[in-house]
Amino acid sequence: MGETSIFKVLSDPQRREILLMLRDGRMNAGEIAQRLGLSPAALSYHLKLLKGADLVLEYREKNYVYYEVNTSVFQELVLWASQFGGGKV
């Protein structure tokens, strides 16, 4: 997993909203900022943390940078968390 704590990154509601938006498909930074009403600087900060935790992947295409959810990290997280739900009380 990434160098930034996944749990710290996921603790912010705006970053969780970005991930929910990206679950429907990749988007560029302008689209994300417009939908959330964020300044470019604020969005850049959130995306930096999400990328640092490997929660989003970045793709460059011509003049645009696109972002999408890194599903493999979420799969690892689910597998890790499932260790604690063995049904024992």
PDB file of N, CA and C in Angstrom:
ATOM      1  N   MET A   1       0.839  -1.174   0.000  1.00  0.00           N
ATOM      2  CA  MET A   1       0.000   0.000   0.000  1.00  0.00           C
ATOM      3  C   MET A   1       0.883   1.235   0.000  1.00  0.00           C
ATOM      4  N   GLY A   2       0.281   2.375  -0.201  1.00  0.00           N
ATOM      5  CA  GLY A   2       1.037   3.596  -0.416  1.00  0.00           C
ATOM      6  C   GLY A   2       1.735   4.110   0.825  1.00  0.00           C
ATOM      7  N   GLU A   3       2.542   5.155   0.628  1.00  0.00           N
ATOM      8  CA  GLU A   3       3.321   5.720   1.716  1.00  0.00           C
ATOM      9  C   GLU A   3       2.458   6.547   2.666  1.00  0.00           C
ATOM     10  N   THR A   4       1.323   7.019   2.203  1.00  0.00           N
ATOM     11  CA  THR A   4       0.400   7.780   3.035  1.00  0.00           C
ATOM     12  C   THR A   4      -0.622   6.811   3.629  1.00  0.00           C
ATOM     13  N   SER A   5      -0.975   7.029   4.885  1.00  0.00           N
ATOM     14  CA  SER A   5      -1.943   6.155   5.538  1.00  0.00           C
ATOM     15  C   SER A   5      -3.293   6.203   4.820  1.00  0.00           C
ATOM     16  N   ILE A   6      -3.752   5.051   4.392  1.00  0.00           N
ATOM     17  CA  ILE A   6      -5.042   4.958   3.702  1.00  0.00           C
ATOM     18  C   ILE A   6      -6.165   5.457   4.605  1.00  0.00           C
ATOM     19  N   PHE A   7      -6.093   5.112   5.874  1.00  0.00           N
ATOM     20  CA  PHE A   7      -7.162   5.501   6.789  1.00  0.00           C
ATOM     21  C   PHE A   7      -7.198   7.010   7.002  1.00  0.00           C
ATOM     22  N   LYS A   8      -6.032   7.635   7.069  1.00  0.00           N
ATOM     23  CA  LYS A   8      -5.993   9.096   7.199  1.00  0.00           C
ATOM     24  C   LYS A   8      -6.577   9.750   5.958  1.00  0.00           C
ATOM     25  N   VAL A   9      -6.224   9.232   4.788  1.00  0.00           N
ATOM     26  CA  VAL A   9      -6.732   9.790   3.533  1.00  0.00           C
ATOM     27  C   VAL A   9      -8.245   9.621   3.451  1.00  0.00           C
ATOM     28  N   LEU A  10      -8.742   8.457   3.840  1.00  0.00           N
ATOM     29  CA  LEU A  10     -10.178   8.184   3.766  1.00  0.00           C
ATOM     30  C   LEU A  10     -10.987   8.910   4.836  1.00  0.00           C
ATOM     31  N   SER A  11     -10.318   9.513   5.809  1.00  0.00           N
ATOM     32  CA  SER A  11     -11.051  10.196   6.880  1.00  0.00           C
ATOM     33  C   SER A  11     -11.686  11.507   6.411  1.00  0.00           C
ATOM     34  N   ASP A  12     -11.251  12.022   5.271  1.00  0.00           N
ATOM     35  CA  ASP A  12     -11.778  13.299   4.782  1.00  0.00           C
ATOM     36  C   ASP A  12     -12.989  13.081   3.872  1.00  0.00           C
ATOM     37  N   PRO A  13     -14.114  13.750   4.154  1.00  0.00           N
ATOM     38  CA  PRO A  13     -15.325  13.552   3.344  1.00  0.00           C
ATOM     39  C   PRO A  13     -15.169  13.950   1.873  1.00  0.00           C
ATOM     40  N   GLN A  14     -14.382  14.982   1.590  1.00  0.00           N
ATOM     41  CA  GLN A  14     -14.215  15.386   0.188  1.00  0.00           C
ATOM     42  C   GLN A  14     -13.423  14.343  -0.597  1.00  0.00           C
ATOM     43  N   ARG A  15     -12.426  13.730   0.039  1.00  0.00           N
ATOM     44  CA  ARG A  15     -11.674  12.683  -0.649  1.00  0.00           C
ATOM     45  C   ARG A  15     -12.538  11.449  -0.868  1.00  0.00           C
ATOM     46  N   ARG A  16     -13.395  11.143   0.097  1.00  0.00           N
ATOM     47  CA  ARG A  16     -14.324  10.017  -0.102  1.00  0.00           C
ATOM     48  C   ARG A  16     -15.285  10.327  -1.244  1.00  0.00           C
ATOM     49  N   GLU A  17     -15.720  11.572  -1.354  1.00  0.00           N
ATOM     50  CA  GLU A  17     -16.620  11.975  -2.444  1.00  0.00           C
ATOM     51  C   GLU A  17     -15.913  11.857  -3.796  1.00  0.00           C
ATOM     52  N   ILE A  18     -14.648  12.229  -3.851  1.00  0.00           N
ATOM     53  CA  ILE A  18     -13.876  12.082  -5.093  1.00  0.00           C
ATOM     54  C   ILE A  18     -13.834  10.608  -5.501  1.00  0.00           C
ATOM     55  N   LEU A  19     -13.571   9.729  -4.548  1.00  0.00           N
ATOM     56  CA  LEU A  19     -13.518   8.293  -4.852  1.00  0.00           C
ATOM     57  C   LEU A  19     -14.873   7.778  -5.340  1.00  0.00           C
ATOM     58  N   LEU A  20     -15.946   8.250  -4.718  1.00  0.00           N
ATOM     59  CA  LEU A  20     -17.282   7.829  -5.163  1.00  0.00           C
ATOM     60  C   LEU A  20     -17.560   8.300  -6.591  1.00  0.00           C
ATOM     61  N   MET A  21     -17.128   9.503  -6.920  1.00  0.00           N
ATOM     62  CA  MET A  21     -17.313  10.013  -8.281  1.00  0.00           C
ATOM     63  C   MET A  21     -16.508   9.181  -9.274  1.00  0.00           C
ATOM     64  N   LEU A  22     -15.295   8.811  -8.889  1.00  0.00           N
ATOM     65  CA  LEU A  22     -14.423   8.068  -9.800  1.00  0.00           C
ATOM     66  C   LEU A  22     -14.833   6.608  -9.953  1.00  0.00           C
ATOM     67  N   ARG A  23     -15.657   6.128  -9.063  1.00  0.00           N
ATOM     68  CA  ARG A  23     -16.076   4.722  -9.178  1.00  0.00           C
ATOM     69  C   ARG A  23     -16.918   4.514 -10.436  1.00  0.00           C
ATOM     70  N   ASP A  24     -17.521   5.574 -10.948  1.00  0.00           N
ATOM     71  CA  ASP A  24     -18.322   5.481 -12.174  1.00  0.00           C
ATOM     72  C   ASP A  24     -17.479   5.604 -13.439  1.00  0.00           C
ATOM     73  N   GLY A  25     -16.184   5.870 -13.287  1.00  0.00           N
ATOM     74  CA  GLY A  25     -15.300   5.990 -14.441  1.00  0.00           C
ATOM     75  C   GLY A  25     -14.318   7.121 -14.254  1.00  0.00           C
ATOM     76  N   ARG A  26     -13.318   7.138 -15.106  1.00  0.00           N
ATOM     77  CA  ARG A  26     -12.273   8.144 -14.954  1.00  0.00           C
ATOM     78  C   ARG A  26     -12.774   9.539 -15.313  1.00  0.00           C
ATOM     79  N   MET A  27     -12.153  10.515 -14.653  1.00  0.00           N
ATOM     80  CA  MET A  27     -12.508  11.919 -14.855  1.00  0.00           C
ATOM     81  C   MET A  27     -11.231  12.744 -14.843  1.00  0.00           C
ATOM     82  N   ASN A  28     -11.290  13.910 -15.498  1.00  0.00           N
ATOM     83  CA  ASN A  28     -10.136  14.806 -15.409  1.00  0.00           C
ATOM     84  C   ASN A  28     -10.328  15.756 -14.232  1.00  0.00           C
ATOM     85  N   ALA A  29      -9.252  16.436 -13.869  1.00  0.00           N
ATOM     86  CA  ALA A  29      -9.270  17.299 -12.687  1.00  0.00           C
ATOM     87  C   ALA A  29     -10.317  18.406 -12.797  1.00  0.00           C
ATOM     88  N   GLY A  30     -10.480  18.961 -13.983  1.00  0.00           N
ATOM     89  CA  GLY A  30     -11.468  20.024 -14.170  1.00  0.00           C
ATOM     90  C   GLY A  30     -12.880  19.547 -13.889  1.00  0.00           C
ATOM     91  N   GLU A  31     -13.199  18.348 -14.342  1.00  0.00           N
ATOM     92  CA  GLU A  31     -14.535  17.782 -14.098  1.00  0.00           C
ATOM     93  C   GLU A  31     -14.761  17.555 -12.604  1.00  0.00           C
ATOM     94  N   ILE A  32     -13.752  17.036 -11.933  1.00  0.00           N
ATOM     95  CA  ILE A  32     -13.876  16.769 -10.494  1.00  0.00           C
ATOM     96  C   ILE A  32     -14.051  18.080  -9.737  1.00  0.00           C
ATOM     97  N   ALA A  33     -13.204  19.060 -10.032  1.00  0.00           N
ATOM     98  CA  ALA A  33     -13.267  20.351  -9.338  1.00  0.00           C
ATOM     99  C   ALA A  33     -14.616  21.020  -9.537  1.00  0.00           C
ATOM    100  N   GLN A  34     -15.131  20.966 -10.760  1.00  0.00           N
ATOM    101  CA  GLN A  34     -16.413  21.598 -11.054  1.00  0.00           C
ATOM    102  C   GLN A  34     -17.546  20.931 -10.270  1.00  0.00           C
ATOM    103  N   ARG A  35     -17.576  19.616 -10.250  1.00  0.00           N
ATOM    104  CA  ARG A  35     -18.656  18.907  -9.544  1.00  0.00           C
ATOM    105  C   ARG A  35     -18.603  19.126  -8.045  1.00  0.00           C
ATOM    106  N   LEU A  36     -17.398  19.279  -7.490  1.00  0.00           N
ATOM    107  CA  LEU A  36     -17.278  19.463  -6.046  1.00  0.00           C
ATOM    108  C   LEU A  36     -17.213  20.931  -5.637  1.00  0.00           C
ATOM    109  N   GLY A  37     -17.047  21.822  -6.613  1.00  0.00           N
ATOM    110  CA  GLY A  37     -16.933  23.239  -6.290  1.00  0.00           C
ATOM    111  C   GLY A  37     -15.630  23.567  -5.570  1.00  0.00           C
ATOM    112  N   LEU A  38     -14.564  22.872  -5.918  1.00  0.00           N
ATOM    113  CA  LEU A  38     -13.268  23.081  -5.282  1.00  0.00           C
ATOM    114  C   LEU A  38     -12.370  23.950  -6.160  1.00  0.00           C
ATOM    115  N   SER A  39     -11.481  24.676  -5.527  1.00  0.00           N
ATOM    116  CA  SER A  39     -10.466  25.421  -6.273  1.00  0.00           C
ATOM    117  C   SER A  39      -9.438  24.420  -6.814  1.00  0.00           C
ATOM    118  N   PRO A  40      -8.726  24.794  -7.863  1.00  0.00           N
ATOM    119  CA  PRO A  40      -7.683  23.898  -8.377  1.00  0.00           C
ATOM    120  C   PRO A  40      -6.644  23.523  -7.322  1.00  0.00           C
ATOM    121  N   ALA A  41      -6.288  24.466  -6.462  1.00  0.00           N
ATOM    122  CA  ALA A  41      -5.300  24.190  -5.413  1.00  0.00           C
ATOM    123  C   ALA A  41      -5.824  23.163  -4.406  1.00  0.00           C
ATOM    124  N   ALA A  42      -7.072  23.315  -4.004  1.00  0.00           N
ATOM    125  CA  ALA A  42      -7.664  22.380  -3.044  1.00  0.00           C
ATOM    126  C   ALA A  42      -7.774  20.988  -3.657  1.00  0.00           C
ATOM    127  N   LEU A  43      -8.212  20.914  -4.901  1.00  0.00           N
ATOM    128  CA  LEU A  43      -8.324  19.613  -5.557  1.00  0.00           C
ATOM    129  C   LEU A  43      -6.952  18.971  -5.719  1.00  0.00           C
ATOM    130  N   SER A  44      -5.963  19.756  -6.085  1.00  0.00           N
ATOM    131  CA  SER A  44      -4.607  19.243  -6.239  1.00  0.00           C
ATOM    132  C   SER A  44      -4.114  18.618  -4.935  1.00  0.00           C
ATOM    133  N   TYR A  45      -4.408  19.259  -3.817  1.00  0.00           N
ATOM    134  CA  TYR A  45      -4.021  18.736  -2.510  1.00  0.00           C
ATOM    135  C   TYR A  45      -4.677  17.378  -2.253  1.00  0.00           C
ATOM    136  N   HIS A  46      -5.982  17.291  -2.485  1.00  0.00           N
ATOM    137  CA  HIS A  46      -6.702  16.037  -2.249  1.00  0.00           C
ATOM    138  C   HIS A  46      -6.208  14.933  -3.177  1.00  0.00           C
ATOM    139  N   LEU A  47      -5.997  15.260  -4.434  1.00  0.00           N
ATOM    140  CA  LEU A  47      -5.522  14.249  -5.388  1.00  0.00           C
ATOM    141  C   LEU A  47      -4.109  13.774  -5.038  1.00  0.00           C
ATOM    142  N   LYS A  48      -3.281  14.686  -4.544  1.00  0.00           N
ATOM    143  CA  LYS A  48      -1.923  14.306  -4.131  1.00  0.00           C
ATOM    144  C   LYS A  48      -1.981  13.269  -3.013  1.00  0.00           C
ATOM    145  N   LEU A  49      -2.851  13.474  -2.042  1.00  0.00           N
ATOM    146  CA  LEU A  49      -2.983  12.518  -0.947  1.00  0.00           C
ATOM    147  C   LEU A  49      -3.564  11.188  -1.431  1.00  0.00           C
ATOM    148  N   LEU A  50      -4.567  11.254  -2.292  1.00  0.00           N
ATOM    149  CA  LEU A  50      -5.162  10.024  -2.831  1.00  0.00           C
ATOM    150  C   LEU A  50      -4.141   9.230  -3.647  1.00  0.00           C
ATOM    151  N   LYS A  51      -3.326   9.929  -4.433  1.00  0.00           N
ATOM    152  CA  LYS A  51      -2.284   9.250  -5.207  1.00  0.00           C
ATOM    153  C   LYS A  51      -1.200   8.699  -4.290  1.00  0.00           C
ATOM    154  N   GLY A  52      -0.849   9.442  -3.253  1.00  0.00           N
ATOM    155  CA  GLY A  52       0.166   8.999  -2.302  1.00  0.00           C
ATOM    156  C   GLY A  52      -0.220   7.723  -1.582  1.00  0.00           C
ATOM    157  N   ALA A  53      -1.512   7.526  -1.386  1.00  0.00           N
ATOM    158  CA  ALA A  53      -2.016   6.307  -0.754  1.00  0.00           C
ATOM    159  C   ALA A  53      -2.345   5.234  -1.789  1.00  0.00           C
ATOM    160  N   ASP A  54      -2.028   5.488  -3.039  1.00  0.00           N
ATOM    161  CA  ASP A  54      -2.301   4.570  -4.162  1.00  0.00           C
ATOM    162  C   ASP A  54      -3.785   4.282  -4.355  1.00  0.00           C
ATOM    163  N   LEU A  55      -4.648   5.184  -3.894  1.00  0.00           N
ATOM    164  CA  LEU A  55      -6.084   4.983  -4.048  1.00  0.00           C
ATOM    165  C   LEU A  55      -6.589   5.408  -5.416  1.00  0.00           C
ATOM    166  N   VAL A  56      -5.854   6.286  -6.086  1.00  0.00           N
ATOM    167  CA  VAL A  56      -6.221   6.680  -7.447  1.00  0.00           C
ATOM    168  C   VAL A  56      -5.003   6.541  -8.359  1.00  0.00           C
ATOM    169  N   LEU A  57      -5.286   6.284  -9.616  1.00  0.00           N
ATOM    170  CA  LEU A  57      -4.265   6.209 -10.652  1.00  0.00           C
ATOM    171  C   LEU A  57      -4.411   7.421 -11.547  1.00  0.00           C
ATOM    172  N   GLU A  58      -3.311   7.882 -12.095  1.00  0.00           N
ATOM    173  CA  GLU A  58      -3.288   9.078 -12.932  1.00  0.00           C
ATOM    174  C   GLU A  58      -2.836   8.691 -14.341  1.00  0.00           C
ATOM    175  N   TYR A  59      -3.576   9.181 -15.342  1.00  0.00           N
ATOM    176  CA  TYR A  59      -3.238   8.938 -16.741  1.00  0.00           C
ATOM    177  C   TYR A  59      -3.193  10.260 -17.487  1.00  0.00           C
ATOM    178  N   ARG A  60      -2.182  10.441 -18.289  1.00  0.00           N
ATOM    179  CA  ARG A  60      -2.073  11.648 -19.110  1.00  0.00           C
ATOM    180  C   ARG A  60      -2.483  11.303 -20.534  1.00  0.00           C
ATOM    181  N   GLU A  61      -3.349  12.147 -21.079  1.00  0.00           N
ATOM    182  CA  GLU A  61      -3.829  11.961 -22.443  1.00  0.00           C
ATOM    183  C   GLU A  61      -3.935  13.339 -23.098  1.00  0.00           C
ATOM    184  N   LYS A  62      -3.037  13.604 -24.042  1.00  0.00           N
ATOM    185  CA  LYS A  62      -2.945  14.910 -24.694  1.00  0.00           C
ATOM    186  C   LYS A  62      -2.770  15.990 -23.638  1.00  0.00           C
ATOM    187  N   ASN A  63      -3.683  16.949 -23.563  1.00  0.00           N
ATOM    188  CA  ASN A  63      -3.553  18.055 -22.605  1.00  0.00           C
ATOM    189  C   ASN A  63      -4.283  17.804 -21.291  1.00  0.00           C
ATOM    190  N   TYR A  64      -4.758  16.599 -21.067  1.00  0.00           N
ATOM    191  CA  TYR A  64      -5.558  16.313 -19.877  1.00  0.00           C
ATOM    192  C   TYR A  64      -4.886  15.254 -19.014  1.00  0.00           C
ATOM    193  N   VAL A  65      -5.169  15.339 -17.725  1.00  0.00           N
ATOM    194  CA  VAL A  65      -4.760  14.310 -16.778  1.00  0.00           C
ATOM    195  C   VAL A  65      -6.042  13.706 -16.242  1.00  0.00           C
ATOM    196  N   TYR A  66      -6.175  12.398 -16.372  1.00  0.00           N
ATOM    197  CA  TYR A  66      -7.360  11.685 -15.916  1.00  0.00           C
ATOM    198  C   TYR A  66      -7.035  10.876 -14.668  1.00  0.00           C
ATOM    199  N   TYR A  67      -8.040  10.708 -13.840  1.00  0.00           N
ATOM    200  CA  TYR A  67      -7.895   9.960 -12.597  1.00  0.00           C
ATOM    201  C   TYR A  67      -8.941   8.853 -12.557  1.00  0.00           C
ATOM    202  N   GLU A  68      -8.548   7.729 -11.971  1.00  0.00           N
ATOM    203  CA  GLU A  68      -9.501   6.634 -11.758  1.00  0.00           C
ATOM    204  C   GLU A  68      -9.124   5.894 -10.483  1.00  0.00           C
ATOM    205  N   VAL A  69     -10.090   5.174  -9.934  1.00  0.00           N
ATOM    206  CA  VAL A  69      -9.893   4.437  -8.691  1.00  0.00           C
ATOM    207  C   VAL A  69      -8.946   3.259  -8.946  1.00  0.00           C
ATOM    208  N   ASN A  70      -8.022   3.064  -8.031  1.00  0.00           N
ATOM    209  CA  ASN A  70      -7.135   1.911  -8.069  1.00  0.00           C
ATOM    210  C   ASN A  70      -7.819   0.788  -7.291  1.00  0.00           C
ATOM    211  N   THR A  71      -8.563  -0.034  -7.983  1.00  0.00           N
ATOM    212  CA  THR A  71      -9.374  -1.056  -7.325  1.00  0.00           C
ATOM    213  C   THR A  71      -8.538  -2.108  -6.616  1.00  0.00           C
ATOM    214  N   SER A  72      -7.317  -2.348  -7.058  1.00  0.00           N
ATOM    215  CA  SER A  72      -6.497  -3.382  -6.415  1.00  0.00           C
ATOM    216  C   SER A  72      -6.195  -3.023  -4.962  1.00  0.00           C
ATOM    217  N   VAL A  73      -6.019  -1.747  -4.653  1.00  0.00           N
ATOM    218  CA  VAL A  73      -5.769  -1.340  -3.271  1.00  0.00           C
ATOM    219  C   VAL A  73      -7.007  -1.586  -2.417  1.00  0.00           C
ATOM    220  N   PHE A  74      -8.174  -1.313  -2.966  1.00  0.00           N
ATOM    221  CA  PHE A  74      -9.401  -1.568  -2.214  1.00  0.00           C
ATOM    222  C   PHE A  74      -9.616  -3.058  -1.995  1.00  0.00           C
ATOM    223  N   GLN A  75      -9.254  -3.868  -2.965  1.00  0.00           N
ATOM    224  CA  GLN A  75      -9.350  -5.316  -2.797  1.00  0.00           C
ATOM    225  C   GLN A  75      -8.434  -5.792  -1.676  1.00  0.00           C
ATOM    226  N   GLU A  76      -7.209  -5.272  -1.631  1.00  0.00           N
ATOM    227  CA  GLU A  76      -6.279  -5.613  -0.548  1.00  0.00           C
ATOM    228  C   GLU A  76      -6.838  -5.182   0.803  1.00  0.00           C
ATOM    229  N   LEU A  77      -7.427  -3.996   0.851  1.00  0.00           N
ATOM    230  CA  LEU A  77      -7.983  -3.474   2.090  1.00  0.00           C
ATOM    231  C   LEU A  77      -9.138  -4.344   2.589  1.00  0.00           C
ATOM    232  N   VAL A  78      -9.989  -4.775   1.668  1.00  0.00           N
ATOM    233  CA  VAL A  78     -11.112  -5.648   2.042  1.00  0.00           C
ATOM    234  C   VAL A  78     -10.590  -6.985   2.572  1.00  0.00           C
ATOM    235  N   LEU A  79      -9.595  -7.542   1.910  1.00  0.00           N
ATOM    236  CA  LEU A  79      -9.005  -8.809   2.373  1.00  0.00           C
ATOM    237  C   LEU A  79      -8.394  -8.648   3.763  1.00  0.00           C
ATOM    238  N   TRP A  80      -7.690  -7.554   3.979  1.00  0.00           N
ATOM    239  CA  TRP A  80      -7.083  -7.300   5.279  1.00  0.00           C
ATOM    240  C   TRP A  80      -8.166  -7.154   6.352  1.00  0.00           C
ATOM    241  N   ALA A  81      -9.204  -6.358   6.075  1.00  0.00           N
ATOM    242  CA  ALA A  81     -10.269  -6.115   7.047  1.00  0.00           C
ATOM    243  C   ALA A  81     -11.069  -7.365   7.344  1.00  0.00           C
ATOM    244  N   SER A  82     -11.171  -8.264   6.367  1.00  0.00           N
ATOM    245  CA  SER A  82     -11.963  -9.491   6.573  1.00  0.00           C
ATOM    246  C   SER A  82     -11.352 -10.393   7.639  1.00  0.00           C
ATOM    247  N   GLN A  83     -10.102 -10.201   7.973  1.00  0.00           N
ATOM    248  CA  GLN A  83      -9.462 -10.976   9.028  1.00  0.00           C
ATOM    249  C   GLN A  83     -10.092 -10.721  10.388  1.00  0.00           C
ATOM    250  N   PHE A  84     -10.761  -9.590  10.532  1.00  0.00           N
ATOM    251  CA  PHE A  84     -11.312  -9.208  11.823  1.00  0.00           C
ATOM    252  C   PHE A  84     -12.783  -9.543  11.977  1.00  0.00           C
ATOM    253  N   GLY A  85     -13.383 -10.126  10.972  1.00  0.00           N
ATOM    254  CA  GLY A  85     -14.820 -10.418  11.034  1.00  0.00           C
ATOM    255  C   GLY A  85     -15.137 -11.896  11.061  1.00  0.00           C
ATOM    256  N   GLY A  86     -14.385 -12.656  11.795  1.00  0.00           N
ATOM    257  CA  GLY A  86     -14.536 -14.117  11.789  1.00  0.00           C
ATOM    258  C   GLY A  86     -15.793 -14.634  12.474  1.00  0.00           C
ATOM    259  N   GLY A  87     -16.641 -13.758  12.977  1.00  0.00           N
ATOM    260  CA  GLY A  87     -17.892 -14.208  13.582  1.00  0.00           C
ATOM    261  C   GLY A  87     -17.737 -14.590  15.062  1.00  0.00           C
ATOM    262  N   LYS A  88     -16.550 -14.564  15.601  1.00  0.00           N
ATOM    263  CA  LYS A  88     -16.353 -14.880  17.021  1.00  0.00           C
ATOM    264  C   LYS A  88     -16.599 -13.635  17.838  1.00  0.00           C
ATOM    265  N   VAL A  89     -17.181 -13.834  19.025  1.00  0.00           N
ATOM    266  CA  VAL A  89     -17.463 -12.713  19.910  1.00  0.00           C
ATOM    267  C   VAL A  89     -16.556 -12.754  21.089  1.00  0.00           C
TER     268      VAL A  89
END
